[in-house]
Amino acid sequence: MKAMILAAGVGSRLDPLTRNVPKPMVPIANKPVIEHIIEVLREHGFREIIINVHYLAERITNWLGNGEKWGVSIKYSYEEEPLGTAGGVKKVEDNFDSTFLVVGADDLCDIDLRRVLAYHQEKKAMVTIALSLVDDPSEYGVVLTNERGRVIAFIEKPRGERIPSNTVNTGIYILEPKVLSFIPEGQFFDFGRDLFPLLIDRKVPFYGYLASGYWKDVGNMKQYRAAHKDVLYKRINFHIPLKEVKPFFWQGENVEIEPSAYMEYPVVIGNGCIIKRGAQILEGTVLGDGCIIEEGAVVKQSILWRGAKVGKNTMIEGCIVGENCEVYSNAAIFEGVIVSPTRK
């Protein structure tokens, strides 16, 4: 079956991390989130994948190539100007001649997509949304269904004291090609804001499936940190691309750890990392490939991207450190985001 990954967004909610890295390439435990999505799609039988790209497109296309590494076939749709979630799918509608799936590039999940598809077929639906329950629905599309599962209302990012439900849109859709006729060609058009209210108004067979399993949108800093915690504590079926040398301790190749360094769990230590004398890597820390932790440094519940460096006697806690960034010696930083100020 065919699937489309929506990867053309700028990722403004993850700024400043996305100034140099497109949102789909933001790493979760040293693996770009889009790579996890591809693995989930392959596992559920989706082998032909189309990805729309716009912002820093070459970072995505260079990494994924034709998809051969993951056992799938990948094609790209380049958007000079963003067309919106639905408009991006409309642009490549000639590729879809049967039921297909659409998923966002920042969705971390292990939802059983086969069950969503089976429900869609059982209901003879035109569109089926996978739904999830969340604590704070104000940042999502809230979905109301009747007793038969048919969608009767869709409220995009509701505001105010009274929100009618905590059942939200995951951004995972099963679609029939006919629904694309409702999307205008060549203009910005969004699933939640534009298409779904139209389908309800036109009484199109439009259903919601409350999915079990893990789902999190990693589109903002809070969710990005929370996703790492869930991965490290194995709350989601997620393959960390390193060997688990001890329970909850993942380590890559060519790692140098001084005997006097102190290590806690769970942690991820990427390939080629150097951890020097007296350094402490405390629980909830992820080190990307090639990170250097100097003497006496303490790193706790922090996410360091590839090539980051923490100087001597420096403490960071709850921080995200971008690619090749250095945190200088004799400093203490809590709940910070440190990135290069210029786009590469």
C-alpha atoms as a PDB file:
ATOM      1  CA  MET A   1       0.000   0.000   0.000  1.00  0.00           C
ATOM      2  CA  LYS A   2       0.953   3.629  -0.435  1.00  0.00           C
ATOM      3  CA  ALA A   3       1.472   6.274   2.209  1.00  0.00           C
ATOM      4  CA  MET A   4       2.350   9.946   2.272  1.00  0.00           C
ATOM      5  CA  ILE A   5       4.429  11.654   4.949  1.00  0.00           C
ATOM      6  CA  LEU A   6       3.788  15.374   5.365  1.00  0.00           C
ATOM      7  CA  ALA A   7       7.226  16.931   5.821  1.00  0.00           C
ATOM      8  CA  ALA A   8       6.998  20.400   4.266  1.00  0.00           C
ATOM      9  CA  GLY A   9       6.393  22.376   7.457  1.00  0.00           C
ATOM     10  CA  VAL A  10       8.835  24.907   8.886  1.00  0.00           C
ATOM     11  CA  GLY A  11       8.538  23.633  12.465  1.00  0.00           C
ATOM     12  CA  SER A  12       8.178  27.053  14.087  1.00  0.00           C
ATOM     13  CA  ARG A  13       7.036  25.569  17.420  1.00  0.00           C
ATOM     14  CA  LEU A  14      10.442  23.899  17.736  1.00  0.00           C
ATOM     15  CA  ASP A  15      12.361  27.108  17.090  1.00  0.00           C
ATOM     16  CA  PRO A  16      15.294  27.619  17.601  1.00  0.00           C
ATOM     17  CA  LEU A  17      16.104  23.935  17.017  1.00  0.00           C
ATOM     18  CA  THR A  18      14.633  24.071  13.527  1.00  0.00           C
ATOM     19  CA  ARG A  19      16.647  27.068  12.354  1.00  0.00           C
ATOM     20  CA  ASN A  20      19.307  24.686  11.069  1.00  0.00           C
ATOM     21  CA  VAL A  21      17.453  21.367  10.953  1.00  0.00           C
ATOM     22  CA  PRO A  22      14.048  20.652   9.351  1.00  0.00           C
ATOM     23  CA  LYS A  23      11.475  19.324  11.780  1.00  0.00           C
ATOM     24  CA  PRO A  24      11.341  15.785  10.296  1.00  0.00           C
ATOM     25  CA  MET A  25      15.103  15.455  10.894  1.00  0.00           C
ATOM     26  CA  VAL A  26      14.960  16.426  14.573  1.00  0.00           C
ATOM     27  CA  PRO A  27      16.476  13.441  16.388  1.00  0.00           C
ATOM     28  CA  ILE A  28      14.719  11.271  18.938  1.00  0.00           C
ATOM     29  CA  ALA A  29      17.334   9.169  20.775  1.00  0.00           C
ATOM     30  CA  ASN A  30      19.791   9.784  17.904  1.00  0.00           C
ATOM     31  CA  LYS A  31      17.334   8.900  15.128  1.00  0.00           C
ATOM     32  CA  PRO A  32      15.440  11.424  13.000  1.00  0.00           C
ATOM     33  CA  VAL A  33      11.750  11.256  13.828  1.00  0.00           C
ATOM     34  CA  ILE A  34      10.871  10.722  10.156  1.00  0.00           C
ATOM     35  CA  GLU A  35      13.017   7.583  10.166  1.00  0.00           C
ATOM     36  CA  HIS A  36      10.874   6.137  12.945  1.00  0.00           C
ATOM     37  CA  ILE A  37       7.747   6.917  10.921  1.00  0.00           C
ATOM     38  CA  ILE A  38       9.169   5.086   7.915  1.00  0.00           C
ATOM     39  CA  GLU A  39       9.933   2.059  10.084  1.00  0.00           C
ATOM     40  CA  VAL A  40       6.364   2.016  11.408  1.00  0.00           C
ATOM     41  CA  LEU A  41       4.936   2.293   7.891  1.00  0.00           C
ATOM     42  CA  ARG A  42       7.126  -0.541   6.612  1.00  0.00           C
ATOM     43  CA  GLU A  43       6.137  -2.746   9.547  1.00  0.00           C
ATOM     44  CA  HIS A  44       2.475  -2.284   8.622  1.00  0.00           C
ATOM     45  CA  GLY A  45       2.905  -3.038   4.924  1.00  0.00           C
ATOM     46  CA  PHE A  46       3.228   0.485   3.481  1.00  0.00           C
ATOM     47  CA  ARG A  47       6.179   0.113   1.099  1.00  0.00           C
ATOM     48  CA  GLU A  48       5.546   2.954  -1.377  1.00  0.00           C
ATOM     49  CA  ILE A  49       6.001   6.330   0.290  1.00  0.00           C
ATOM     50  CA  ILE A  50       5.700   9.891  -0.990  1.00  0.00           C
ATOM     51  CA  ILE A  51       7.182  12.711   1.094  1.00  0.00           C
ATOM     52  CA  ASN A  52       6.446  16.373   0.441  1.00  0.00           C
ATOM     53  CA  VAL A  53       9.326  18.704   1.249  1.00  0.00           C
ATOM     54  CA  HIS A  54       9.897  22.452   1.337  1.00  0.00           C
ATOM     55  CA  TYR A  55      11.955  23.841   4.230  1.00  0.00           C
ATOM     56  CA  LEU A  56      15.602  22.659   4.165  1.00  0.00           C
ATOM     57  CA  ALA A  57      14.452  19.938   1.806  1.00  0.00           C
ATOM     58  CA  GLU A  58      17.933  18.687   0.957  1.00  0.00           C
ATOM     59  CA  ARG A  59      18.561  17.651   4.577  1.00  0.00           C
ATOM     60  CA  ILE A  60      15.635  15.241   4.275  1.00  0.00           C
ATOM     61  CA  THR A  61      16.256  13.959   0.754  1.00  0.00           C
ATOM     62  CA  ASN A  62      19.994  13.471   1.288  1.00  0.00           C
ATOM     63  CA  TRP A  63      19.395  11.418   4.419  1.00  0.00           C
ATOM     64  CA  LEU A  64      16.578   9.215   3.164  1.00  0.00           C
ATOM     65  CA  GLY A  65      17.499   8.867  -0.501  1.00  0.00           C
ATOM     66  CA  ASN A  66      15.278   6.401  -2.350  1.00  0.00           C
ATOM     67  CA  GLY A  67      14.365   4.525   0.833  1.00  0.00           C
ATOM     68  CA  GLU A  68      16.280   1.372  -0.037  1.00  0.00           C
ATOM     69  CA  LYS A  69      18.008   1.337   3.364  1.00  0.00           C
ATOM     70  CA  TRP A  70      14.615   0.885   5.058  1.00  0.00           C
ATOM     71  CA  GLY A  71      13.169  -1.559   2.537  1.00  0.00           C
ATOM     72  CA  VAL A  72      10.736   0.957   1.038  1.00  0.00           C
ATOM     73  CA  SER A  73      10.488   3.089  -2.079  1.00  0.00           C
ATOM     74  CA  ILE A  74      10.481   6.859  -1.510  1.00  0.00           C
ATOM     75  CA  LYS A  75       9.477   9.610  -3.944  1.00  0.00           C
ATOM     76  CA  TYR A  76       9.490  13.329  -3.184  1.00  0.00           C
ATOM     77  CA  SER A  77       7.139  16.185  -3.927  1.00  0.00           C
ATOM     78  CA  TYR A  78       8.903  19.555  -3.833  1.00  0.00           C
ATOM     79  CA  GLU A  79       6.769  22.557  -2.874  1.00  0.00           C
ATOM     80  CA  GLU A  80       8.163  25.974  -3.789  1.00  0.00           C
ATOM     81  CA  GLU A  81       5.487  27.488  -1.582  1.00  0.00           C
ATOM     82  CA  PRO A  82       3.768  25.510   1.193  1.00  0.00           C
ATOM     83  CA  LEU A  83       0.400  24.141   0.102  1.00  0.00           C
ATOM     84  CA  GLY A  84      -0.902  23.075   3.509  1.00  0.00           C
ATOM     85  CA  THR A  85      -1.482  19.543   4.725  1.00  0.00           C
ATOM     86  CA  ALA A  86      -4.323  18.753   2.306  1.00  0.00           C
ATOM     87  CA  GLY A  87      -2.973  20.883  -0.548  1.00  0.00           C
ATOM     88  CA  GLY A  88       0.294  18.959  -0.442  1.00  0.00           C
ATOM     89  CA  VAL A  89      -1.574  15.678  -0.909  1.00  0.00           C
ATOM     90  CA  LYS A  90      -3.668  17.148  -3.729  1.00  0.00           C
ATOM     91  CA  LYS A  91      -0.476  18.044  -5.595  1.00  0.00           C
ATOM     92  CA  VAL A  92       0.436  14.363  -5.932  1.00  0.00           C
ATOM     93  CA  GLU A  93      -3.066  12.906  -6.334  1.00  0.00           C
ATOM     94  CA  ASP A  94      -2.099  11.087  -9.531  1.00  0.00           C
ATOM     95  CA  ASN A  95      -0.068   8.709  -7.370  1.00  0.00           C
ATOM     96  CA  PHE A  96      -3.120   7.452  -5.483  1.00  0.00           C
ATOM     97  CA  ASP A  97      -5.516   5.097  -7.236  1.00  0.00           C
ATOM     98  CA  SER A  98      -6.645   3.133  -4.154  1.00  0.00           C
ATOM     99  CA  THR A  99      -6.928   3.509  -0.384  1.00  0.00           C
ATOM    100  CA  PHE A 100      -3.867   5.236   1.082  1.00  0.00           C
ATOM    101  CA  LEU A 101      -2.524   6.629   4.356  1.00  0.00           C
ATOM    102  CA  VAL A 102      -1.315  10.101   5.332  1.00  0.00           C
ATOM    103  CA  VAL A 103       0.811  10.792   8.413  1.00  0.00           C
ATOM    104  CA  GLY A 104       2.640  13.838   9.765  1.00  0.00           C
ATOM    105  CA  ALA A 105       6.427  13.959   9.916  1.00  0.00           C
ATOM    106  CA  ASP A 106       6.489  14.739  13.652  1.00  0.00           C
ATOM    107  CA  ASP A 107       4.225  11.939  14.892  1.00  0.00           C
ATOM    108  CA  LEU A 108       5.927   9.533  17.272  1.00  0.00           C
ATOM    109  CA  CYS A 109       3.683   6.486  17.532  1.00  0.00           C
ATOM    110  CA  ASP A 110       3.332   2.734  17.621  1.00  0.00           C
ATOM    111  CA  ILE A 111      -0.360   2.647  16.684  1.00  0.00           C
ATOM    112  CA  ASP A 112      -1.480  -0.519  14.887  1.00  0.00           C
ATOM    113  CA  LEU A 113      -2.187   0.949  11.460  1.00  0.00           C
ATOM    114  CA  ARG A 114      -3.708  -2.317  10.241  1.00  0.00           C
ATOM    115  CA  ARG A 115      -6.536  -1.921  12.742  1.00  0.00           C
ATOM    116  CA  VAL A 116      -7.186   1.631  11.579  1.00  0.00           C
ATOM    117  CA  LEU A 117      -7.312   0.386   7.981  1.00  0.00           C
ATOM    118  CA  ALA A 118      -9.644  -2.513   8.867  1.00  0.00           C
ATOM    119  CA  TYR A 119     -12.009  -0.110  10.653  1.00  0.00           C
ATOM    120  CA  HIS A 120     -11.970   2.213   7.636  1.00  0.00           C
ATOM    121  CA  GLN A 121     -12.912  -0.660   5.340  1.00  0.00           C
ATOM    122  CA  GLU A 122     -15.582  -1.970   7.702  1.00  0.00           C
ATOM    123  CA  LYS A 123     -17.268   1.448   7.808  1.00  0.00           C
ATOM    124  CA  LYS A 124     -16.905   1.965   4.054  1.00  0.00           C
ATOM    125  CA  ALA A 125     -15.509   5.355   4.959  1.00  0.00           C
ATOM    126  CA  MET A 126     -14.194   8.051   2.643  1.00  0.00           C
ATOM    127  CA  VAL A 127     -11.886   9.301   5.417  1.00  0.00           C
ATOM    128  CA  THR A 128     -10.922   7.780   8.751  1.00  0.00           C
ATOM    129  CA  ILE A 129      -8.912   9.656  11.384  1.00  0.00           C
ATOM    130  CA  ALA A 130      -6.915   7.831  14.044  1.00  0.00           C
ATOM    131  CA  LEU A 131      -7.805   9.435  17.374  1.00  0.00           C
ATOM    132  CA  SER A 132      -6.022   9.623  20.721  1.00  0.00           C
ATOM    133  CA  LEU A 133      -6.816  10.851  24.233  1.00  0.00           C
ATOM    134  CA  VAL A 134      -4.662  13.682  25.633  1.00  0.00           C
ATOM    135  CA  ASP A 135      -4.542  15.667  28.854  1.00  0.00           C
ATOM    136  CA  ASP A 136      -4.494  19.084  27.157  1.00  0.00           C
ATOM    137  CA  PRO A 137      -6.471  19.131  23.880  1.00  0.00           C
ATOM    138  CA  SER A 138      -6.053  22.870  23.274  1.00  0.00           C
ATOM    139  CA  GLU A 139      -3.095  22.345  20.909  1.00  0.00           C
ATOM    140  CA  TYR A 140      -4.850  19.779  18.725  1.00  0.00           C
ATOM    141  CA  GLY A 141      -7.890  19.238  16.565  1.00  0.00           C
ATOM    142  CA  VAL A 142     -10.667  18.038  18.881  1.00  0.00           C
ATOM    143  CA  VAL A 143     -12.937  15.437  17.292  1.00  0.00           C
ATOM    144  CA  LEU A 144     -16.513  14.592  18.286  1.00  0.00           C
ATOM    145  CA  THR A 145     -18.089  11.374  17.003  1.00  0.00           C
ATOM    146  CA  ASN A 146     -21.534   9.810  17.341  1.00  0.00           C
ATOM    147  CA  GLU A 147     -22.231   6.340  18.723  1.00  0.00           C
ATOM    148  CA  ARG A 148     -21.390   4.780  15.340  1.00  0.00           C
ATOM    149  CA  GLY A 149     -17.999   6.480  15.169  1.00  0.00           C
ATOM    150  CA  ARG A 150     -18.985   9.006  12.536  1.00  0.00           C
ATOM    151  CA  VAL A 151     -17.335  12.412  12.932  1.00  0.00           C
ATOM    152  CA  ILE A 152     -19.949  15.061  13.702  1.00  0.00           C
ATOM    153  CA  ALA A 153     -17.689  17.976  14.672  1.00  0.00           C
ATOM    154  CA  PHE A 154     -14.067  18.980  14.278  1.00  0.00           C
ATOM    155  CA  ILE A 155     -12.668  21.893  16.286  1.00  0.00           C
ATOM    156  CA  GLU A 156      -9.135  22.930  15.360  1.00  0.00           C
ATOM    157  CA  LYS A 157      -7.107  24.010  18.437  1.00  0.00           C
ATOM    158  CA  PRO A 158     -10.044  25.124  20.593  1.00  0.00           C
ATOM    159  CA  ARG A 159      -9.659  28.018  22.996  1.00  0.00           C
ATOM    160  CA  GLY A 160     -11.621  28.920  26.092  1.00  0.00           C
ATOM    161  CA  GLU A 161     -12.511  27.304  29.389  1.00  0.00           C
ATOM    162  CA  ARG A 162     -14.877  24.688  27.976  1.00  0.00           C
ATOM    163  CA  ILE A 163     -13.384  22.214  25.543  1.00  0.00           C
ATOM    164  CA  PRO A 164     -15.972  19.564  24.619  1.00  0.00           C
ATOM    165  CA  SER A 165     -13.642  16.549  24.489  1.00  0.00           C
ATOM    166  CA  ASN A 166     -10.074  15.377  25.012  1.00  0.00           C
ATOM    167  CA  THR A 167     -10.268  13.090  21.978  1.00  0.00           C
ATOM    168  CA  VAL A 168      -7.952  14.547  19.359  1.00  0.00           C
ATOM    169  CA  ASN A 169      -6.770  14.129  15.808  1.00  0.00           C
ATOM    170  CA  THR A 170      -3.413  12.323  15.578  1.00  0.00           C
ATOM    171  CA  GLY A 171      -2.732  13.451  12.005  1.00  0.00           C
ATOM    172  CA  ILE A 172      -2.937   9.836  10.831  1.00  0.00           C
ATOM    173  CA  TYR A 173      -5.544   9.461   8.091  1.00  0.00           C
ATOM    174  CA  ILE A 174      -6.826   6.664   5.876  1.00  0.00           C
ATOM    175  CA  LEU A 175      -8.209   8.194   2.672  1.00  0.00           C
ATOM    176  CA  GLU A 176     -10.013   7.148  -0.471  1.00  0.00           C
ATOM    177  CA  PRO A 177      -8.762   8.899  -3.631  1.00  0.00           C
ATOM    178  CA  LYS A 178     -12.247  10.345  -4.274  1.00  0.00           C
ATOM    179  CA  VAL A 179     -11.929  12.650  -1.278  1.00  0.00           C
ATOM    180  CA  LEU A 180      -9.195  14.571  -3.084  1.00  0.00           C
ATOM    181  CA  SER A 181     -11.854  16.053  -5.362  1.00  0.00           C
ATOM    182  CA  PHE A 182     -12.895  18.259  -2.421  1.00  0.00           C
ATOM    183  CA  ILE A 183      -9.444  19.883  -2.298  1.00  0.00           C
ATOM    184  CA  PRO A 184      -8.787  22.828  -4.638  1.00  0.00           C
ATOM    185  CA  GLU A 185      -5.715  22.535  -6.819  1.00  0.00           C
ATOM    186  CA  GLY A 186      -2.657  24.753  -6.440  1.00  0.00           C
ATOM    187  CA  GLN A 187      -3.657  26.633  -3.297  1.00  0.00           C
ATOM    188  CA  PHE A 188      -3.091  26.376   0.437  1.00  0.00           C
ATOM    189  CA  PHE A 189      -5.614  23.987   1.980  1.00  0.00           C
ATOM    190  CA  ASP A 190      -5.497  22.330   5.383  1.00  0.00           C
ATOM    191  CA  PHE A 191      -7.060  19.069   6.545  1.00  0.00           C
ATOM    192  CA  GLY A 192      -8.211  20.316   9.948  1.00  0.00           C
ATOM    193  CA  ARG A 193      -9.100  23.893   9.135  1.00  0.00           C
ATOM    194  CA  ASP A 194     -10.577  23.440   5.668  1.00  0.00           C
ATOM    195  CA  LEU A 195     -11.255  19.894   4.501  1.00  0.00           C
ATOM    196  CA  PHE A 196     -12.730  18.215   7.565  1.00  0.00           C
ATOM    197  CA  PRO A 197     -15.431  20.831   8.261  1.00  0.00           C
ATOM    198  CA  LEU A 198     -16.324  20.637   4.560  1.00  0.00           C
ATOM    199  CA  LEU A 199     -16.692  16.846   4.714  1.00  0.00           C
ATOM    200  CA  ILE A 200     -18.971  17.110   7.750  1.00  0.00           C
ATOM    201  CA  ASP A 201     -21.077  19.741   5.993  1.00  0.00           C
ATOM    202  CA  ARG A 202     -21.352  17.591   2.851  1.00  0.00           C
ATOM    203  CA  LYS A 203     -22.202  14.484   4.924  1.00  0.00           C
ATOM    204  CA  VAL A 204     -19.329  12.505   3.454  1.00  0.00           C
ATOM    205  CA  PRO A 205     -18.659   9.147   5.231  1.00  0.00           C
ATOM    206  CA  PHE A 206     -16.093  10.441   7.694  1.00  0.00           C
ATOM    207  CA  TYR A 207     -15.135   8.343  10.730  1.00  0.00           C
ATOM    208  CA  GLY A 208     -12.881   8.458  13.756  1.00  0.00           C
ATOM    209  CA  TYR A 209     -11.084   5.444  15.219  1.00  0.00           C
ATOM    210  CA  LEU A 210      -9.890   5.681  18.834  1.00  0.00           C
ATOM    211  CA  ALA A 211      -6.539   3.972  18.585  1.00  0.00           C
ATOM    212  CA  SER A 212      -4.703   2.173  21.348  1.00  0.00           C
ATOM    213  CA  GLY A 213      -0.947   2.378  21.516  1.00  0.00           C
ATOM    214  CA  TYR A 214       1.407   5.286  21.948  1.00  0.00           C
ATOM    215  CA  TRP A 215       1.110   8.600  20.112  1.00  0.00           C
ATOM    216  CA  LYS A 216       2.757  11.956  20.675  1.00  0.00           C
ATOM    217  CA  ASP A 217       3.138  14.998  18.467  1.00  0.00           C
ATOM    218  CA  VAL A 218       6.735  16.144  19.031  1.00  0.00           C
ATOM    219  CA  GLY A 219       6.093  19.556  17.520  1.00  0.00           C
ATOM    220  CA  ASN A 220       7.079  21.686  20.529  1.00  0.00           C
ATOM    221  CA  MET A 221       9.844  21.715  23.134  1.00  0.00           C
ATOM    222  CA  LYS A 222       7.788  20.246  25.968  1.00  0.00           C
ATOM    223  CA  GLN A 223       6.599  17.353  23.832  1.00  0.00           C
ATOM    224  CA  TYR A 224      10.073  16.835  22.391  1.00  0.00           C
ATOM    225  CA  ARG A 225      11.547  16.376  25.875  1.00  0.00           C
ATOM    226  CA  ALA A 226       8.626  14.176  26.967  1.00  0.00           C
ATOM    227  CA  ALA A 227       9.049  11.955  23.899  1.00  0.00           C
ATOM    228  CA  HIS A 228      12.669  11.289  24.842  1.00  0.00           C
ATOM    229  CA  LYS A 229      11.660  10.294  28.346  1.00  0.00           C
ATOM    230  CA  ASP A 230       9.055   7.904  26.968  1.00  0.00           C
ATOM    231  CA  VAL A 231      11.569   6.342  24.581  1.00  0.00           C
ATOM    232  CA  LEU A 232      14.236   5.931  27.268  1.00  0.00           C
ATOM    233  CA  TYR A 233      11.777   4.259  29.647  1.00  0.00           C
ATOM    234  CA  LYS A 234      10.437   2.026  26.835  1.00  0.00           C
ATOM    235  CA  ARG A 235       6.893   3.372  26.921  1.00  0.00           C
ATOM    236  CA  ILE A 236       6.810   3.158  23.124  1.00  0.00           C
ATOM    237  CA  ASN A 237       7.942   0.507  20.689  1.00  0.00           C
ATOM    238  CA  PHE A 238      10.896   2.484  19.332  1.00  0.00           C
ATOM    239  CA  HIS A 239      14.154   1.108  17.959  1.00  0.00           C
ATOM    240  CA  ILE A 240      17.118   3.049  19.336  1.00  0.00           C
ATOM    241  CA  PRO A 241      19.853   2.634  16.684  1.00  0.00           C
ATOM    242  CA  LEU A 242      22.524   1.578  19.207  1.00  0.00           C
ATOM    243  CA  LYS A 243      23.303  -1.548  21.197  1.00  0.00           C
ATOM    244  CA  GLU A 244      21.688  -1.864  24.612  1.00  0.00           C
ATOM    245  CA  VAL A 245      24.852  -2.973  26.452  1.00  0.00           C
ATOM    246  CA  LYS A 246      23.064  -3.008  29.821  1.00  0.00           C
ATOM    247  CA  PRO A 247      19.375  -2.593  30.683  1.00  0.00           C
ATOM    248  CA  PHE A 248      18.426   1.021  29.819  1.00  0.00           C
ATOM    249  CA  PHE A 249      21.985   1.841  28.705  1.00  0.00           C
ATOM    250  CA  TRP A 250      22.548   2.231  24.961  1.00  0.00           C
ATOM    251  CA  GLN A 251      26.059   2.758  23.641  1.00  0.00           C
ATOM    252  CA  GLY A 252      27.516   3.148  20.174  1.00  0.00           C
ATOM    253  CA  GLU A 253      30.891   2.169  18.749  1.00  0.00           C
ATOM    254  CA  ASN A 254      34.293   3.783  19.402  1.00  0.00           C
ATOM    255  CA  VAL A 255      33.140   5.360  22.662  1.00  0.00           C
ATOM    256  CA  GLU A 256      35.775   6.450  25.199  1.00  0.00           C
ATOM    257  CA  ILE A 257      34.656   6.589  28.825  1.00  0.00           C
ATOM    258  CA  GLU A 258      37.269   7.311  31.495  1.00  0.00           C
ATOM    259  CA  PRO A 259      37.100   4.843  34.411  1.00  0.00           C
ATOM    260  CA  SER A 260      36.425   7.659  36.893  1.00  0.00           C
ATOM    261  CA  ALA A 261      33.397   8.910  34.967  1.00  0.00           C
ATOM    262  CA  TYR A 262      30.037   8.229  36.617  1.00  0.00           C
ATOM    263  CA  MET A 263      27.121   6.844  34.590  1.00  0.00           C
ATOM    264  CA  GLU A 264      23.449   6.480  35.484  1.00  0.00           C
ATOM    265  CA  TYR A 265      20.471   4.951  33.665  1.00  0.00           C
ATOM    266  CA  PRO A 266      18.666   5.343  31.340  1.00  0.00           C
ATOM    267  CA  VAL A 267      21.095   7.042  28.988  1.00  0.00           C
ATOM    268  CA  VAL A 268      22.073   6.926  25.327  1.00  0.00           C
ATOM    269  CA  ILE A 269      25.736   7.380  24.345  1.00  0.00           C
ATOM    270  CA  GLY A 270      26.222   7.846  20.605  1.00  0.00           C
ATOM    271  CA  ASN A 271      29.047   6.619  18.388  1.00  0.00           C
ATOM    272  CA  GLY A 272      32.462   8.192  18.950  1.00  0.00           C
ATOM    273  CA  CYS A 273      31.555  10.019  22.173  1.00  0.00           C
ATOM    274  CA  ILE A 274      34.309  10.939  24.629  1.00  0.00           C
ATOM    275  CA  ILE A 275      33.516  11.194  28.343  1.00  0.00           C
ATOM    276  CA  LYS A 276      36.484  12.407  30.338  1.00  0.00           C
ATOM    277  CA  ARG A 277      37.752  12.013  33.890  1.00  0.00           C
ATOM    278  CA  GLY A 278      35.261  12.735  36.657  1.00  0.00           C
ATOM    279  CA  ALA A 279      32.409  13.580  34.285  1.00  0.00           C
ATOM    280  CA  GLN A 280      28.876  12.525  35.222  1.00  0.00           C
ATOM    281  CA  ILE A 281      26.222  11.397  32.767  1.00  0.00           C
ATOM    282  CA  LEU A 282      23.026  11.239  34.803  1.00  0.00           C
ATOM    283  CA  GLU A 283      19.623   9.729  34.110  1.00  0.00           C
ATOM    284  CA  GLY A 284      17.579  10.819  31.141  1.00  0.00           C
ATOM    285  CA  THR A 285      20.549  11.997  29.060  1.00  0.00           C
ATOM    286  CA  VAL A 286      21.043  11.417  25.337  1.00  0.00           C
ATOM    287  CA  LEU A 287      24.403  12.099  23.690  1.00  0.00           C
ATOM    288  CA  GLY A 288      24.489  12.263  19.900  1.00  0.00           C
ATOM    289  CA  ASP A 289      27.407  10.931  17.868  1.00  0.00           C
ATOM    290  CA  GLY A 290      30.760  12.581  18.529  1.00  0.00           C
ATOM    291  CA  CYS A 291      29.826  14.450  21.703  1.00  0.00           C
ATOM    292  CA  ILE A 292      32.604  15.402  24.117  1.00  0.00           C
ATOM    293  CA  ILE A 293      32.015  15.732  27.860  1.00  0.00           C
ATOM    294  CA  GLU A 294      35.043  17.340  29.459  1.00  0.00           C
ATOM    295  CA  GLU A 295      36.527  16.716  32.914  1.00  0.00           C
ATOM    296  CA  GLY A 296      34.205  17.252  35.839  1.00  0.00           C
ATOM    297  CA  ALA A 297      31.191  18.132  33.677  1.00  0.00           C
ATOM    298  CA  VAL A 298      27.717  17.022  34.775  1.00  0.00           C
ATOM    299  CA  VAL A 299      24.962  16.325  32.266  1.00  0.00           C
ATOM    300  CA  LYS A 300      21.466  15.453  33.512  1.00  0.00           C
ATOM    301  CA  GLN A 301      18.187  14.921  31.675  1.00  0.00           C
ATOM    302  CA  SER A 302      19.602  16.679  28.650  1.00  0.00           C
ATOM    303  CA  ILE A 303      19.607  16.002  24.930  1.00  0.00           C
ATOM    304  CA  LEU A 304      22.840  16.717  23.081  1.00  0.00           C
ATOM    305  CA  TRP A 305      22.827  16.586  19.316  1.00  0.00           C
ATOM    306  CA  ARG A 306      25.697  15.345  17.199  1.00  0.00           C
ATOM    307  CA  GLY A 307      29.081  16.968  17.856  1.00  0.00           C
ATOM    308  CA  ALA A 308      28.035  18.925  20.949  1.00  0.00           C
ATOM    309  CA  LYS A 309      30.602  19.630  23.660  1.00  0.00           C
ATOM    310  CA  VAL A 310      30.273  20.377  27.372  1.00  0.00           C
ATOM    311  CA  GLY A 311      33.290  22.108  28.897  1.00  0.00           C
ATOM    312  CA  LYS A 312      35.168  21.422  32.122  1.00  0.00           C
ATOM    313  CA  ASN A 313      33.266  21.635  35.406  1.00  0.00           C
ATOM    314  CA  THR A 314      30.095  22.678  33.599  1.00  0.00           C
ATOM    315  CA  MET A 315      26.667  21.494  34.692  1.00  0.00           C
ATOM    316  CA  ILE A 316      23.668  21.311  32.397  1.00  0.00           C
ATOM    317  CA  GLU A 317      20.258  19.996  33.386  1.00  0.00           C
ATOM    318  CA  GLY A 318      17.107  19.817  31.317  1.00  0.00           C
ATOM    319  CA  CYS A 319      18.925  21.290  28.314  1.00  0.00           C
ATOM    320  CA  ILE A 320      18.865  20.705  24.568  1.00  0.00           C
ATOM    321  CA  VAL A 321      22.177  21.400  22.855  1.00  0.00           C
ATOM    322  CA  GLY A 322      22.204  21.633  19.069  1.00  0.00           C
ATOM    323  CA  GLU A 323      24.636  20.231  16.504  1.00  0.00           C
ATOM    324  CA  ASN A 324      28.296  21.106  17.095  1.00  0.00           C
ATOM    325  CA  CYS A 325      27.463  23.599  19.855  1.00  0.00           C
ATOM    326  CA  GLU A 326      29.744  24.068  22.846  1.00  0.00           C
ATOM    327  CA  VAL A 327      28.738  24.866  26.400  1.00  0.00           C
ATOM    328  CA  TYR A 328      31.728  26.627  27.944  1.00  0.00           C
ATOM    329  CA  SER A 329      33.561  25.672  31.123  1.00  0.00           C
ATOM    330  CA  ASN A 330      32.589  26.550  34.679  1.00  0.00           C
ATOM    331  CA  ALA A 331      28.959  27.263  33.830  1.00  0.00           C
ATOM    332  CA  ALA A 332      25.632  25.994  35.125  1.00  0.00           C
ATOM    333  CA  ILE A 333      22.637  26.004  32.784  1.00  0.00           C
ATOM    334  CA  PHE A 334      19.159  24.709  33.612  1.00  0.00           C
ATOM    335  CA  GLU A 335      16.247  24.255  31.199  1.00  0.00           C
ATOM    336  CA  GLY A 336      18.112  25.848  28.289  1.00  0.00           C
ATOM    337  CA  VAL A 337      18.177  25.471  24.508  1.00  0.00           C
ATOM    338  CA  ILE A 338      21.572  26.094  22.924  1.00  0.00           C
ATOM    339  CA  VAL A 339      21.915  26.186  19.152  1.00  0.00           C
ATOM    340  CA  SER A 340      24.018  27.785  16.461  1.00  0.00           C
ATOM    341  CA  PRO A 341      22.690  31.282  15.671  1.00  0.00           C
ATOM    342  CA  THR A 342      23.072  30.918  11.908  1.00  0.00           C
ATOM    343  CA  ARG A 343      21.485  28.593   9.374  1.00  0.00           C
ATOM    344  CA  LYS A 344      23.838  26.164   7.688  1.00  0.00           C
END
